[in-house]
Amino acid sequence: MSVEDRLSELEVKLSFTEDLVDALNTTVYRQQREIDDLRLQLHALRQQLLASQPAEQHALRDEIPPHY
């Protein structure tokens, strides 16, 4: 195999590698955006849950039945 052939083969491999790295970079960027969005949604849901819970927790035994 001549030097020119080897150099040409390396250039082709480099080109494919650059394309692969670009595709992986795009995928990682998209996934990070999705993770960030999911974190925001989780935070909002957590805040909603905390807001919907009563401020003071009490046992059912402490409640007076309606017929008294």
C-alpha atoms as a PDB file:
ATOM      1  CA  MET A   1       0.000   0.000   0.000  1.00  0.00           C
ATOM      2  CA  SER A   2       1.471   3.320  -1.043  1.00  0.00           C
ATOM      3  CA  VAL A   3       1.763   6.392   1.119  1.00  0.00           C
ATOM      4  CA  GLU A   4      -0.854   8.164  -0.992  1.00  0.00           C
ATOM      5  CA  ASP A   5      -3.315   5.297  -0.512  1.00  0.00           C
ATOM      6  CA  ARG A   6      -2.737   5.260   3.221  1.00  0.00           C
ATOM      7  CA  LEU A   7      -3.138   9.024   3.419  1.00  0.00           C
ATOM      8  CA  SER A   8      -6.331   8.882   1.382  1.00  0.00           C
ATOM      9  CA  GLU A   9      -7.707   6.132   3.644  1.00  0.00           C
ATOM     10  CA  LEU A  10      -6.879   8.185   6.725  1.00  0.00           C
ATOM     11  CA  GLU A  11      -8.627  11.225   5.243  1.00  0.00           C
ATOM     12  CA  VAL A  12     -11.765   9.172   4.598  1.00  0.00           C
ATOM     13  CA  LYS A  13     -11.705   7.794   8.147  1.00  0.00           C
ATOM     14  CA  LEU A  14     -11.200  11.294   9.541  1.00  0.00           C
ATOM     15  CA  SER A  15     -14.143  12.569   7.549  1.00  0.00           C
ATOM     16  CA  PHE A  16     -16.429   9.825   8.875  1.00  0.00           C
ATOM     17  CA  THR A  17     -15.125  10.425  12.397  1.00  0.00           C
ATOM     18  CA  GLU A  18     -15.886  14.150  12.158  1.00  0.00           C
ATOM     19  CA  ASP A  19     -19.419  13.380  10.979  1.00  0.00           C
ATOM     20  CA  LEU A  20     -19.907  10.935  13.836  1.00  0.00           C
ATOM     21  CA  VAL A  21     -18.611  13.417  16.422  1.00  0.00           C
ATOM     22  CA  ASP A  22     -20.969  16.104  15.065  1.00  0.00           C
ATOM     23  CA  ALA A  23     -23.929  13.711  15.247  1.00  0.00           C
ATOM     24  CA  LEU A  24     -23.027  12.654  18.793  1.00  0.00           C
ATOM     25  CA  ASN A  25     -22.587  16.277  19.843  1.00  0.00           C
ATOM     26  CA  THR A  26     -26.044  17.112  18.503  1.00  0.00           C
ATOM     27  CA  THR A  27     -27.532  14.138  20.337  1.00  0.00           C
ATOM     28  CA  VAL A  28     -25.858  15.050  23.628  1.00  0.00           C
ATOM     29  CA  TYR A  29     -26.984  18.679  23.298  1.00  0.00           C
ATOM     30  CA  ARG A  30     -30.593  17.612  22.622  1.00  0.00           C
ATOM     31  CA  GLN A  31     -30.565  15.176  25.531  1.00  0.00           C
ATOM     32  CA  GLN A  32     -29.178  17.817  27.892  1.00  0.00           C
ATOM     33  CA  ARG A  33     -31.968  20.213  26.902  1.00  0.00           C
ATOM     34  CA  GLU A  34     -34.507  17.469  27.573  1.00  0.00           C
ATOM     35  CA  ILE A  35     -32.940  16.721  30.963  1.00  0.00           C
ATOM     36  CA  ASP A  36     -33.072  20.409  31.860  1.00  0.00           C
ATOM     37  CA  ASP A  37     -36.749  20.583  30.846  1.00  0.00           C
ATOM     38  CA  LEU A  38     -37.550  17.474  32.895  1.00  0.00           C
ATOM     39  CA  ARG A  39     -35.789  18.959  35.927  1.00  0.00           C
ATOM     40  CA  LEU A  40     -37.912  22.093  35.641  1.00  0.00           C
ATOM     41  CA  GLN A  41     -41.073  20.014  35.373  1.00  0.00           C
ATOM     42  CA  LEU A  42     -40.061  17.917  38.374  1.00  0.00           C
ATOM     43  CA  HIS A  43     -39.396  21.042  40.402  1.00  0.00           C
ATOM     44  CA  ALA A  44     -42.794  22.479  39.436  1.00  0.00           C
ATOM     45  CA  LEU A  45     -44.542  19.224  40.356  1.00  0.00           C
ATOM     46  CA  ARG A  46     -42.729  19.130  43.683  1.00  0.00           C
ATOM     47  CA  GLN A  47     -43.842  22.700  44.412  1.00  0.00           C
ATOM     48  CA  GLN A  48     -47.409  21.811  43.425  1.00  0.00           C
ATOM     49  CA  LEU A  49     -47.375  18.804  45.746  1.00  0.00           C
ATOM     50  CA  LEU A  50     -46.047  20.826  48.653  1.00  0.00           C
ATOM     51  CA  ALA A  51     -48.634  23.563  48.057  1.00  0.00           C
ATOM     52  CA  SER A  52     -51.501  21.055  47.968  1.00  0.00           C
ATOM     53  CA  GLN A  53     -50.607  19.436  51.284  1.00  0.00           C
ATOM     54  CA  PRO A  54     -52.136  20.863  54.432  1.00  0.00           C
ATOM     55  CA  ALA A  55     -49.783  22.993  56.497  1.00  0.00           C
ATOM     56  CA  GLU A  56     -50.442  20.986  59.653  1.00  0.00           C
ATOM     57  CA  GLN A  57     -50.724  17.223  59.590  1.00  0.00           C
ATOM     58  CA  HIS A  58     -53.189  15.707  62.032  1.00  0.00           C
ATOM     59  CA  ALA A  59     -54.419  12.217  62.762  1.00  0.00           C
ATOM     60  CA  LEU A  60     -57.950  11.058  62.013  1.00  0.00           C
ATOM     61  CA  ARG A  61     -58.376  10.246  65.723  1.00  0.00           C
ATOM     62  CA  ASP A  62     -58.118  13.957  66.527  1.00  0.00           C
ATOM     63  CA  GLU A  63     -61.104  14.798  64.339  1.00  0.00           C
ATOM     64  CA  ILE A  64     -64.538  14.914  65.890  1.00  0.00           C
ATOM     65  CA  PRO A  65     -67.045  12.752  64.025  1.00  0.00           C
ATOM     66  CA  PRO A  66     -69.827  14.733  62.319  1.00  0.00           C
ATOM     67  CA  HIS A  67     -72.575  13.328  64.562  1.00  0.00           C
ATOM     68  CA  TYR A  68     -71.163  14.906  67.756  1.00  0.00           C
END
